[in-house]
């Protein structure tokens, strides 16, 4: 009997082109869905016969109710080795193996710098006006050289951010709850005495933290008021690290100069969300990890996960 495998949220319709699936197609029927299912019942109707489901990052949450509605599901594969939108306890309780794949830190680093550079030099606005009305120069850019980049988090991505910032001639300061001077010294970065010091003194603030109980809501209304009114806040990590309503107020009332955002509390971002139209927001649709190299890695390793499952093994397990 053949096995059914569903690939969810294949927005660009490239999943089946990003890897060689021939090693499993003798036993597995693979179907890809490019549309996002906002309604859980509609999702269940579409994948109820799937024994294997592959999800892209956190685009489709898998909570306890969804696992209960999918009794045939035995293997859930997420791209990347961390996915906060999967209820791992529920997966285990329903006998579902959860596996992951590798993910590169270079793509989100590059996207973060794309946001910073666009904000600093108003590239989107200038390009739009050049195309629409021929207006020649309407803004004055801000500098990176000599300015301070504040990094909330100095892991793999934060470390890459620091190295690039120094190449631009920026002063770099970093903070996280467990960050040590030994770690910052290795990168030639200043260790902030507190989160407040980083917020008060930085010209660009970029978030590179894992979402956890400690980091959820880490940037509050009070924190946003500490920032310079000329400063920019960039978030390519996880939306819930910032209080969204407080950020909307801060941007609306110009407490800060602007924000570059690639992650949102609700994705896809609703059509009427203020982030879509605020003039001081540069928003991208969660593109941080979306590159050819990452997609190739994701789907090649998903195929390996499936092949191992067919052989009676579980590899790259996310379950404890």
C-alpha atoms as a PDB file:
ATOM      1  CA  UNK A   1       0.000   0.000   0.000  1.00  0.00           C
ATOM      2  CA  UNK A   2       1.387   3.413  -0.996  1.00  0.00           C
ATOM      3  CA  UNK A   3       2.021   6.168   1.515  1.00  0.00           C
ATOM      4  CA  UNK A   4       0.699   9.705   1.106  1.00  0.00           C
ATOM      5  CA  UNK A   5       2.963  12.699   1.789  1.00  0.00           C
ATOM      6  CA  UNK A   6       1.759  16.313   1.818  1.00  0.00           C
ATOM      7  CA  UNK A   7       4.023  19.353   1.508  1.00  0.00           C
ATOM      8  CA  UNK A   8       2.437  22.478   2.982  1.00  0.00           C
ATOM      9  CA  UNK A   9       2.940  26.173   2.206  1.00  0.00           C
ATOM     10  CA  UNK A  10       5.037  25.659  -0.901  1.00  0.00           C
ATOM     11  CA  UNK A  11       4.367  29.290  -1.831  1.00  0.00           C
ATOM     12  CA  UNK A  12       6.816  29.440  -4.725  1.00  0.00           C
ATOM     13  CA  UNK A  13       5.952  25.917  -5.956  1.00  0.00           C
ATOM     14  CA  UNK A  14       9.594  24.835  -5.841  1.00  0.00           C
ATOM     15  CA  UNK A  15       9.600  21.989  -3.294  1.00  0.00           C
ATOM     16  CA  UNK A  16       9.515  19.232  -5.907  1.00  0.00           C
ATOM     17  CA  UNK A  17      12.244  20.973  -7.927  1.00  0.00           C
ATOM     18  CA  UNK A  18      14.550  21.638  -4.984  1.00  0.00           C
ATOM     19  CA  UNK A  19      15.468  18.002  -4.343  1.00  0.00           C
ATOM     20  CA  UNK A  20      15.544  14.598  -6.004  1.00  0.00           C
ATOM     21  CA  UNK A  21      12.465  12.759  -4.750  1.00  0.00           C
ATOM     22  CA  UNK A  22      12.972   9.662  -6.929  1.00  0.00           C
ATOM     23  CA  UNK A  23      14.410   7.588  -4.048  1.00  0.00           C
ATOM     24  CA  UNK A  24      11.009   7.511  -2.314  1.00  0.00           C
ATOM     25  CA  UNK A  25       8.438   7.808  -5.111  1.00  0.00           C
ATOM     26  CA  UNK A  26       8.145   4.055  -5.561  1.00  0.00           C
ATOM     27  CA  UNK A  27       6.490   3.916  -2.152  1.00  0.00           C
ATOM     28  CA  UNK A  28       5.294   7.474  -1.533  1.00  0.00           C
ATOM     29  CA  UNK A  29       2.826   9.724  -3.345  1.00  0.00           C
ATOM     30  CA  UNK A  30       3.926  13.325  -2.816  1.00  0.00           C
ATOM     31  CA  UNK A  31       1.556  16.267  -3.261  1.00  0.00           C
ATOM     32  CA  UNK A  32       2.482  19.913  -2.758  1.00  0.00           C
ATOM     33  CA  UNK A  33       0.124  22.702  -1.659  1.00  0.00           C
ATOM     34  CA  UNK A  34       1.116  26.239  -2.620  1.00  0.00           C
ATOM     35  CA  UNK A  35      -1.834  27.943  -0.908  1.00  0.00           C
ATOM     36  CA  UNK A  36      -1.827  28.641   2.809  1.00  0.00           C
ATOM     37  CA  UNK A  37      -4.698  27.094   4.788  1.00  0.00           C
ATOM     38  CA  UNK A  38      -6.017  29.645   7.270  1.00  0.00           C
ATOM     39  CA  UNK A  39      -8.893  27.369   8.281  1.00  0.00           C
ATOM     40  CA  UNK A  40      -7.884  24.261  10.239  1.00  0.00           C
ATOM     41  CA  UNK A  41     -10.837  22.202   9.028  1.00  0.00           C
ATOM     42  CA  UNK A  42      -9.986  23.020   5.418  1.00  0.00           C
ATOM     43  CA  UNK A  43      -6.409  21.944   6.106  1.00  0.00           C
ATOM     44  CA  UNK A  44      -7.591  18.675   7.642  1.00  0.00           C
ATOM     45  CA  UNK A  45      -9.842  17.943   4.657  1.00  0.00           C
ATOM     46  CA  UNK A  46      -6.857  18.395   2.337  1.00  0.00           C
ATOM     47  CA  UNK A  47      -4.312  16.258   4.202  1.00  0.00           C
ATOM     48  CA  UNK A  48      -6.410  13.816   6.253  1.00  0.00           C
ATOM     49  CA  UNK A  49      -4.933  10.791   4.414  1.00  0.00           C
ATOM     50  CA  UNK A  50      -1.325  11.903   4.700  1.00  0.00           C
ATOM     51  CA  UNK A  51       0.964   9.665   6.736  1.00  0.00           C
ATOM     52  CA  UNK A  52       3.781  12.160   6.230  1.00  0.00           C
ATOM     53  CA  UNK A  53       3.518  15.962   6.290  1.00  0.00           C
ATOM     54  CA  UNK A  54       6.315  18.413   5.515  1.00  0.00           C
ATOM     55  CA  UNK A  55       5.898  21.944   6.824  1.00  0.00           C
ATOM     56  CA  UNK A  56       7.902  25.079   5.994  1.00  0.00           C
ATOM     57  CA  UNK A  57       9.233  26.634   9.183  1.00  0.00           C
ATOM     58  CA  UNK A  58       6.312  28.000  11.259  1.00  0.00           C
ATOM     59  CA  UNK A  59       3.918  28.860   8.439  1.00  0.00           C
ATOM     60  CA  UNK A  60       1.338  26.291   9.601  1.00  0.00           C
ATOM     61  CA  UNK A  61       1.145  25.647  13.365  1.00  0.00           C
ATOM     62  CA  UNK A  62       0.617  22.068  14.513  1.00  0.00           C
ATOM     63  CA  UNK A  63      -1.176  22.132  17.845  1.00  0.00           C
ATOM     64  CA  UNK A  64      -2.906  19.455  19.875  1.00  0.00           C
ATOM     65  CA  UNK A  65      -6.276  19.795  18.125  1.00  0.00           C
ATOM     66  CA  UNK A  66      -4.700  19.366  14.699  1.00  0.00           C
ATOM     67  CA  UNK A  67      -2.822  16.221  15.718  1.00  0.00           C
ATOM     68  CA  UNK A  68      -6.093  14.823  17.075  1.00  0.00           C
ATOM     69  CA  UNK A  69      -7.804  15.433  13.730  1.00  0.00           C
ATOM     70  CA  UNK A  70      -5.074  13.657  11.753  1.00  0.00           C
ATOM     71  CA  UNK A  71      -5.009  10.073  13.077  1.00  0.00           C
ATOM     72  CA  UNK A  72      -3.136   8.785   9.996  1.00  0.00           C
ATOM     73  CA  UNK A  73      -0.220  11.163  10.499  1.00  0.00           C
ATOM     74  CA  UNK A  74       2.936   9.349  11.605  1.00  0.00           C
ATOM     75  CA  UNK A  75       5.792  11.604  10.503  1.00  0.00           C
ATOM     76  CA  UNK A  76       5.935  15.400  10.657  1.00  0.00           C
ATOM     77  CA  UNK A  77       8.977  17.079   9.099  1.00  0.00           C
ATOM     78  CA  UNK A  78       9.778  20.725   9.688  1.00  0.00           C
ATOM     79  CA  UNK A  79      12.416  22.677   7.836  1.00  0.00           C
ATOM     80  CA  UNK A  80      15.043  23.691  10.366  1.00  0.00           C
ATOM     81  CA  UNK A  81      15.764  22.048  13.697  1.00  0.00           C
ATOM     82  CA  UNK A  82      13.559  24.315  15.786  1.00  0.00           C
ATOM     83  CA  UNK A  83       9.852  25.060  15.368  1.00  0.00           C
ATOM     84  CA  UNK A  84       7.965  26.795  18.179  1.00  0.00           C
ATOM     85  CA  UNK A  85       4.618  26.277  16.418  1.00  0.00           C
ATOM     86  CA  UNK A  86       4.679  22.488  16.884  1.00  0.00           C
ATOM     87  CA  UNK A  87       3.197  21.070  20.075  1.00  0.00           C
ATOM     88  CA  UNK A  88       5.848  18.389  20.635  1.00  0.00           C
ATOM     89  CA  UNK A  89       4.040  16.893  23.636  1.00  0.00           C
ATOM     90  CA  UNK A  90       0.895  16.433  21.548  1.00  0.00           C
ATOM     91  CA  UNK A  91       2.936  14.911  18.726  1.00  0.00           C
ATOM     92  CA  UNK A  92       4.467  12.400  21.111  1.00  0.00           C
ATOM     93  CA  UNK A  93       1.102  11.618  22.677  1.00  0.00           C
ATOM     94  CA  UNK A  94      -0.347  10.836  19.248  1.00  0.00           C
ATOM     95  CA  UNK A  95       2.632   8.717  18.208  1.00  0.00           C
ATOM     96  CA  UNK A  96       3.897  11.174  15.594  1.00  0.00           C
ATOM     97  CA  UNK A  97       7.625  11.350  14.962  1.00  0.00           C
ATOM     98  CA  UNK A  98       8.879  14.912  14.411  1.00  0.00           C
ATOM     99  CA  UNK A  99      12.036  15.468  12.393  1.00  0.00           C
ATOM    100  CA  UNK A 100      13.917  18.510  11.152  1.00  0.00           C
ATOM    101  CA  UNK A 101      16.574  19.581   8.699  1.00  0.00           C
ATOM    102  CA  UNK A 102      19.630  21.798   8.705  1.00  0.00           C
ATOM    103  CA  UNK A 103      19.255  25.546   8.105  1.00  0.00           C
ATOM    104  CA  UNK A 104      21.913  28.123   7.230  1.00  0.00           C
ATOM    105  CA  UNK A 105      22.515  31.307   9.222  1.00  0.00           C
ATOM    106  CA  UNK A 106      23.786  33.287   6.222  1.00  0.00           C
ATOM    107  CA  UNK A 107      20.407  34.024   4.549  1.00  0.00           C
ATOM    108  CA  UNK A 108      18.750  35.731   7.557  1.00  0.00           C
ATOM    109  CA  UNK A 109      21.940  37.706   8.156  1.00  0.00           C
ATOM    110  CA  UNK A 110      21.900  38.964   4.572  1.00  0.00           C
ATOM    111  CA  UNK A 111      18.196  39.831   4.733  1.00  0.00           C
ATOM    112  CA  UNK A 112      18.754  41.797   7.938  1.00  0.00           C
ATOM    113  CA  UNK A 113      21.396  43.909   6.242  1.00  0.00           C
ATOM    114  CA  UNK A 114      19.100  44.413   3.261  1.00  0.00           C
ATOM    115  CA  UNK A 115      16.538  45.911   5.646  1.00  0.00           C
ATOM    116  CA  UNK A 116      19.092  48.083   7.428  1.00  0.00           C
ATOM    117  CA  UNK A 117      20.538  49.451   4.185  1.00  0.00           C
ATOM    118  CA  UNK A 118      17.089  50.089   2.733  1.00  0.00           C
ATOM    119  CA  UNK A 119      16.008  51.948   5.862  1.00  0.00           C
ATOM    120  CA  UNK A 120      19.197  53.993   6.022  1.00  0.00           C
ATOM    121  CA  UNK A 121      19.115  55.082   2.364  1.00  0.00           C
ATOM    122  CA  UNK A 122      15.346  55.022   1.666  1.00  0.00           C
ATOM    123  CA  UNK A 123      15.912  52.780  -1.342  1.00  0.00           C
ATOM    124  CA  UNK A 124      12.348  51.495  -1.674  1.00  0.00           C
ATOM    125  CA  UNK A 125      10.888  55.005  -1.571  1.00  0.00           C
ATOM    126  CA  UNK A 126      13.445  56.437  -3.989  1.00  0.00           C
ATOM    127  CA  UNK A 127      12.993  53.564  -6.423  1.00  0.00           C
ATOM    128  CA  UNK A 128       9.194  53.858  -6.311  1.00  0.00           C
ATOM    129  CA  UNK A 129       9.303  57.594  -7.006  1.00  0.00           C
ATOM    130  CA  UNK A 130      11.857  57.164  -9.776  1.00  0.00           C
ATOM    131  CA  UNK A 131       9.491  54.702 -11.452  1.00  0.00           C
ATOM    132  CA  UNK A 132       6.173  56.425 -10.808  1.00  0.00           C
ATOM    133  CA  UNK A 133       6.739  60.145 -11.239  1.00  0.00           C
ATOM    134  CA  UNK A 134      10.367  60.545 -12.171  1.00  0.00           C
ATOM    135  CA  UNK A 135      11.158  62.446  -8.976  1.00  0.00           C
ATOM    136  CA  UNK A 136      14.929  62.763  -8.616  1.00  0.00           C
ATOM    137  CA  UNK A 137      16.125  62.606  -4.990  1.00  0.00           C
ATOM    138  CA  UNK A 138      13.537  63.284  -2.313  1.00  0.00           C
ATOM    139  CA  UNK A 139      15.259  61.962   0.808  1.00  0.00           C
ATOM    140  CA  UNK A 140      18.500  62.336   2.741  1.00  0.00           C
ATOM    141  CA  UNK A 141      19.957  59.058   3.896  1.00  0.00           C
ATOM    142  CA  UNK A 142      21.411  58.267   7.283  1.00  0.00           C
ATOM    143  CA  UNK A 143      24.928  56.903   7.726  1.00  0.00           C
ATOM    144  CA  UNK A 144      26.136  53.552   8.968  1.00  0.00           C
ATOM    145  CA  UNK A 145      29.777  54.544   9.359  1.00  0.00           C
ATOM    146  CA  UNK A 146      30.404  55.804  12.867  1.00  0.00           C
ATOM    147  CA  UNK A 147      26.940  54.799  14.108  1.00  0.00           C
ATOM    148  CA  UNK A 148      26.174  52.185  16.749  1.00  0.00           C
ATOM    149  CA  UNK A 149      24.549  48.837  16.006  1.00  0.00           C
ATOM    150  CA  UNK A 150      22.914  47.248  19.042  1.00  0.00           C
ATOM    151  CA  UNK A 151      22.542  43.481  18.825  1.00  0.00           C
ATOM    152  CA  UNK A 152      20.032  41.703  21.032  1.00  0.00           C
ATOM    153  CA  UNK A 153      21.592  38.256  20.820  1.00  0.00           C
ATOM    154  CA  UNK A 154      25.085  37.287  19.700  1.00  0.00           C
ATOM    155  CA  UNK A 155      24.693  33.715  18.476  1.00  0.00           C
ATOM    156  CA  UNK A 156      25.496  32.549  14.952  1.00  0.00           C
ATOM    157  CA  UNK A 157      23.458  35.241  13.225  1.00  0.00           C
ATOM    158  CA  UNK A 158      24.283  37.948  15.766  1.00  0.00           C
ATOM    159  CA  UNK A 159      27.970  37.138  15.415  1.00  0.00           C
ATOM    160  CA  UNK A 160      27.810  37.473  11.632  1.00  0.00           C
ATOM    161  CA  UNK A 161      25.947  40.746  12.047  1.00  0.00           C
ATOM    162  CA  UNK A 162      28.746  42.085  14.268  1.00  0.00           C
ATOM    163  CA  UNK A 163      31.474  41.177  11.787  1.00  0.00           C
ATOM    164  CA  UNK A 164      29.668  42.889   8.909  1.00  0.00           C
ATOM    165  CA  UNK A 165      28.848  45.960  11.000  1.00  0.00           C
ATOM    166  CA  UNK A 166      32.521  46.435  11.829  1.00  0.00           C
ATOM    167  CA  UNK A 167      33.327  46.272   8.101  1.00  0.00           C
ATOM    168  CA  UNK A 168      30.943  49.211   7.658  1.00  0.00           C
ATOM    169  CA  UNK A 169      32.844  51.077  10.351  1.00  0.00           C
ATOM    170  CA  UNK A 170      30.098  50.793  12.932  1.00  0.00           C
ATOM    171  CA  UNK A 171      30.468  50.592  16.692  1.00  0.00           C
ATOM    172  CA  UNK A 172      28.813  47.383  17.928  1.00  0.00           C
ATOM    173  CA  UNK A 173      27.272  46.686  21.315  1.00  0.00           C
ATOM    174  CA  UNK A 174      25.457  43.495  22.307  1.00  0.00           C
ATOM    175  CA  UNK A 175      23.259  42.175  25.081  1.00  0.00           C
ATOM    176  CA  UNK A 176      21.303  39.090  25.998  1.00  0.00           C
ATOM    177  CA  UNK A 177      20.445  37.589  29.340  1.00  0.00           C
ATOM    178  CA  UNK A 178      23.326  35.099  29.350  1.00  0.00           C
ATOM    179  CA  UNK A 179      25.873  36.942  27.209  1.00  0.00           C
ATOM    180  CA  UNK A 180      29.368  37.169  28.711  1.00  0.00           C
ATOM    181  CA  UNK A 181      32.309  39.520  28.167  1.00  0.00           C
ATOM    182  CA  UNK A 182      34.378  36.555  27.020  1.00  0.00           C
ATOM    183  CA  UNK A 183      31.919  36.011  24.146  1.00  0.00           C
ATOM    184  CA  UNK A 184      31.799  39.669  23.123  1.00  0.00           C
ATOM    185  CA  UNK A 185      35.580  40.068  23.365  1.00  0.00           C
ATOM    186  CA  UNK A 186      36.066  37.291  20.810  1.00  0.00           C
ATOM    187  CA  UNK A 187      34.201  39.420  18.263  1.00  0.00           C
ATOM    188  CA  UNK A 188      35.553  42.761  19.378  1.00  0.00           C
ATOM    189  CA  UNK A 189      32.087  43.810  20.511  1.00  0.00           C
ATOM    190  CA  UNK A 190      31.177  45.850  23.581  1.00  0.00           C
ATOM    191  CA  UNK A 191      29.052  44.063  26.176  1.00  0.00           C
ATOM    192  CA  UNK A 192      26.167  46.268  27.247  1.00  0.00           C
ATOM    193  CA  UNK A 193      25.720  46.584  30.994  1.00  0.00           C
ATOM    194  CA  UNK A 194      21.976  46.203  30.470  1.00  0.00           C
ATOM    195  CA  UNK A 195      19.285  45.961  27.856  1.00  0.00           C
ATOM    196  CA  UNK A 196      18.396  49.538  28.694  1.00  0.00           C
ATOM    197  CA  UNK A 197      21.915  50.780  27.894  1.00  0.00           C
ATOM    198  CA  UNK A 198      21.786  49.115  24.495  1.00  0.00           C
ATOM    199  CA  UNK A 199      18.380  50.610  23.681  1.00  0.00           C
ATOM    200  CA  UNK A 200      19.311  54.096  24.834  1.00  0.00           C
ATOM    201  CA  UNK A 201      22.622  54.325  22.945  1.00  0.00           C
ATOM    202  CA  UNK A 202      22.111  52.439  19.679  1.00  0.00           C
ATOM    203  CA  UNK A 203      21.256  53.962  16.294  1.00  0.00           C
ATOM    204  CA  UNK A 204      20.171  50.641  14.791  1.00  0.00           C
ATOM    205  CA  UNK A 205      18.876  47.793  16.950  1.00  0.00           C
ATOM    206  CA  UNK A 206      18.640  44.291  15.504  1.00  0.00           C
ATOM    207  CA  UNK A 207      17.066  41.285  17.242  1.00  0.00           C
ATOM    208  CA  UNK A 208      18.673  37.840  16.981  1.00  0.00           C
ATOM    209  CA  UNK A 209      17.202  35.855  19.853  1.00  0.00           C
ATOM    210  CA  UNK A 210      15.356  32.554  20.090  1.00  0.00           C
ATOM    211  CA  UNK A 211      11.727  32.935  21.140  1.00  0.00           C
ATOM    212  CA  UNK A 212      11.232  31.529  24.637  1.00  0.00           C
ATOM    213  CA  UNK A 213       9.341  32.321  27.809  1.00  0.00           C
ATOM    214  CA  UNK A 214      12.197  34.669  28.737  1.00  0.00           C
ATOM    215  CA  UNK A 215      12.301  36.543  25.428  1.00  0.00           C
ATOM    216  CA  UNK A 216       8.576  36.759  24.667  1.00  0.00           C
ATOM    217  CA  UNK A 217       7.588  40.416  25.063  1.00  0.00           C
ATOM    218  CA  UNK A 218      11.210  41.362  25.786  1.00  0.00           C
ATOM    219  CA  UNK A 219      10.766  44.696  23.993  1.00  0.00           C
ATOM    220  CA  UNK A 220       7.865  46.463  25.691  1.00  0.00           C
ATOM    221  CA  UNK A 221       6.310  49.905  25.451  1.00  0.00           C
ATOM    222  CA  UNK A 222       8.677  51.078  28.175  1.00  0.00           C
ATOM    223  CA  UNK A 223      11.662  49.747  26.221  1.00  0.00           C
ATOM    224  CA  UNK A 224      10.607  51.412  22.972  1.00  0.00           C
ATOM    225  CA  UNK A 225      10.417  54.743  24.775  1.00  0.00           C
ATOM    226  CA  UNK A 226      14.074  54.356  25.750  1.00  0.00           C
ATOM    227  CA  UNK A 227      15.212  54.329  22.131  1.00  0.00           C
ATOM    228  CA  UNK A 228      16.469  57.421  20.314  1.00  0.00           C
ATOM    229  CA  UNK A 229      13.812  59.014  18.125  1.00  0.00           C
ATOM    230  CA  UNK A 230      16.339  58.739  15.269  1.00  0.00           C
ATOM    231  CA  UNK A 231      16.871  54.994  15.811  1.00  0.00           C
ATOM    232  CA  UNK A 232      15.650  52.065  13.718  1.00  0.00           C
ATOM    233  CA  UNK A 233      14.463  48.696  15.063  1.00  0.00           C
ATOM    234  CA  UNK A 234      14.987  45.598  12.910  1.00  0.00           C
ATOM    235  CA  UNK A 235      13.414  42.219  13.630  1.00  0.00           C
ATOM    236  CA  UNK A 236      14.136  39.159  11.511  1.00  0.00           C
ATOM    237  CA  UNK A 237      13.923  36.794  14.491  1.00  0.00           C
ATOM    238  CA  UNK A 238      10.458  36.256  15.961  1.00  0.00           C
ATOM    239  CA  UNK A 239       7.627  38.780  16.153  1.00  0.00           C
ATOM    240  CA  UNK A 240       6.532  37.915  19.684  1.00  0.00           C
ATOM    241  CA  UNK A 241       9.813  39.212  21.103  1.00  0.00           C
ATOM    242  CA  UNK A 242       8.356  42.710  20.574  1.00  0.00           C
ATOM    243  CA  UNK A 243       4.994  43.895  21.944  1.00  0.00           C
ATOM    244  CA  UNK A 244       3.297  44.482  18.576  1.00  0.00           C
ATOM    245  CA  UNK A 245       0.728  47.016  19.757  1.00  0.00           C
ATOM    246  CA  UNK A 246       3.421  49.003  21.529  1.00  0.00           C
ATOM    247  CA  UNK A 247       5.527  48.991  18.356  1.00  0.00           C
ATOM    248  CA  UNK A 248       2.589  50.228  16.276  1.00  0.00           C
ATOM    249  CA  UNK A 249       2.098  53.085  18.744  1.00  0.00           C
ATOM    250  CA  UNK A 250       5.821  53.883  18.754  1.00  0.00           C
ATOM    251  CA  UNK A 251       5.882  54.084  14.960  1.00  0.00           C
ATOM    252  CA  UNK A 252       2.630  56.014  14.710  1.00  0.00           C
ATOM    253  CA  UNK A 253       3.752  58.569  17.280  1.00  0.00           C
ATOM    254  CA  UNK A 254       7.343  58.683  15.972  1.00  0.00           C
ATOM    255  CA  UNK A 255       9.050  57.577  19.163  1.00  0.00           C
ATOM    256  CA  UNK A 256      11.548  55.950  16.783  1.00  0.00           C
ATOM    257  CA  UNK A 257      12.505  56.677  13.164  1.00  0.00           C
ATOM    258  CA  UNK A 258      11.258  53.397  11.758  1.00  0.00           C
ATOM    259  CA  UNK A 259      11.329  49.617  11.712  1.00  0.00           C
ATOM    260  CA  UNK A 260      12.426  46.859   9.365  1.00  0.00           C
ATOM    261  CA  UNK A 261      10.233  43.804   9.949  1.00  0.00           C
ATOM    262  CA  UNK A 262      10.356  40.324   8.428  1.00  0.00           C
ATOM    263  CA  UNK A 263       8.308  38.529  11.098  1.00  0.00           C
ATOM    264  CA  UNK A 264       4.784  39.157  12.391  1.00  0.00           C
ATOM    265  CA  UNK A 265       2.446  37.896  15.091  1.00  0.00           C
ATOM    266  CA  UNK A 266       0.056  36.611  12.439  1.00  0.00           C
ATOM    267  CA  UNK A 267       1.363  35.331   9.115  1.00  0.00           C
ATOM    268  CA  UNK A 268       0.528  35.901   6.361  1.00  0.00           C
ATOM    269  CA  UNK A 269       0.072  39.490   7.514  1.00  0.00           C
ATOM    270  CA  UNK A 270      -3.615  40.501   7.248  1.00  0.00           C
ATOM    271  CA  UNK A 271      -4.441  42.866   4.380  1.00  0.00           C
ATOM    272  CA  UNK A 272      -5.658  45.594   6.741  1.00  0.00           C
ATOM    273  CA  UNK A 273      -2.689  45.433   9.119  1.00  0.00           C
ATOM    274  CA  UNK A 274      -1.063  48.839   9.771  1.00  0.00           C
ATOM    275  CA  UNK A 275       2.413  47.472   9.045  1.00  0.00           C
ATOM    276  CA  UNK A 276       1.395  47.190   5.386  1.00  0.00           C
ATOM    277  CA  UNK A 277       0.870  50.940   5.004  1.00  0.00           C
ATOM    278  CA  UNK A 278       2.869  52.779   7.691  1.00  0.00           C
ATOM    279  CA  UNK A 279       5.391  55.048   5.932  1.00  0.00           C
ATOM    280  CA  UNK A 280       8.134  54.361   8.461  1.00  0.00           C
ATOM    281  CA  UNK A 281       7.884  50.559   8.206  1.00  0.00           C
ATOM    282  CA  UNK A 282       9.830  48.448   5.738  1.00  0.00           C
ATOM    283  CA  UNK A 283       8.084  45.065   5.804  1.00  0.00           C
ATOM    284  CA  UNK A 284       9.017  41.861   4.003  1.00  0.00           C
ATOM    285  CA  UNK A 285       6.956  38.619   4.008  1.00  0.00           C
ATOM    286  CA  UNK A 286       9.208  36.477   6.231  1.00  0.00           C
ATOM    287  CA  UNK A 287      11.964  36.094   3.644  1.00  0.00           C
ATOM    288  CA  UNK A 288      14.834  35.591   6.079  1.00  0.00           C
ATOM    289  CA  UNK A 289      15.394  31.927   5.283  1.00  0.00           C
ATOM    290  CA  UNK A 290      14.001  31.951   1.730  1.00  0.00           C
ATOM    291  CA  UNK A 291      17.002  31.282  -0.533  1.00  0.00           C
ATOM    292  CA  UNK A 292      17.900  28.615  -3.077  1.00  0.00           C
ATOM    293  CA  UNK A 293      20.598  27.125  -0.848  1.00  0.00           C
ATOM    294  CA  UNK A 294      18.326  26.826   2.156  1.00  0.00           C
ATOM    295  CA  UNK A 295      15.440  25.380   0.145  1.00  0.00           C
ATOM    296  CA  UNK A 296      17.731  22.791  -1.405  1.00  0.00           C
ATOM    297  CA  UNK A 297      18.972  21.788   2.040  1.00  0.00           C
ATOM    298  CA  UNK A 298      15.460  21.702   3.481  1.00  0.00           C
ATOM    299  CA  UNK A 299      13.952  19.420   0.882  1.00  0.00           C
ATOM    300  CA  UNK A 300      16.983  17.206   0.304  1.00  0.00           C
ATOM    301  CA  UNK A 301      17.121  16.470   4.028  1.00  0.00           C
ATOM    302  CA  UNK A 302      13.326  16.038   4.158  1.00  0.00           C
ATOM    303  CA  UNK A 303      13.745  13.282   1.572  1.00  0.00           C
ATOM    304  CA  UNK A 304      16.437  11.737   3.785  1.00  0.00           C
ATOM    305  CA  UNK A 305      14.086  11.924   6.778  1.00  0.00           C
ATOM    306  CA  UNK A 306      11.394  10.127   4.799  1.00  0.00           C
ATOM    307  CA  UNK A 307      13.809   7.461   3.536  1.00  0.00           C
ATOM    308  CA  UNK A 308      14.909   6.781   7.108  1.00  0.00           C
ATOM    309  CA  UNK A 309      11.253   6.511   8.177  1.00  0.00           C
ATOM    310  CA  UNK A 310      10.604   3.996   5.394  1.00  0.00           C
ATOM    311  CA  UNK A 311      13.573   2.000   6.713  1.00  0.00           C
ATOM    312  CA  UNK A 312      12.113   2.013  10.227  1.00  0.00           C
ATOM    313  CA  UNK A 313      14.398   4.724  11.630  1.00  0.00           C
ATOM    314  CA  UNK A 314      13.930   8.268  12.884  1.00  0.00           C
ATOM    315  CA  UNK A 315      16.701  10.791  12.215  1.00  0.00           C
ATOM    316  CA  UNK A 316      17.059  14.446  13.233  1.00  0.00           C
ATOM    317  CA  UNK A 317      14.323  13.994  15.843  1.00  0.00           C
ATOM    318  CA  UNK A 318      12.945  17.059  17.593  1.00  0.00           C
ATOM    319  CA  UNK A 319      11.318  14.951  20.311  1.00  0.00           C
ATOM    320  CA  UNK A 320      13.160  14.526  23.595  1.00  0.00           C
END
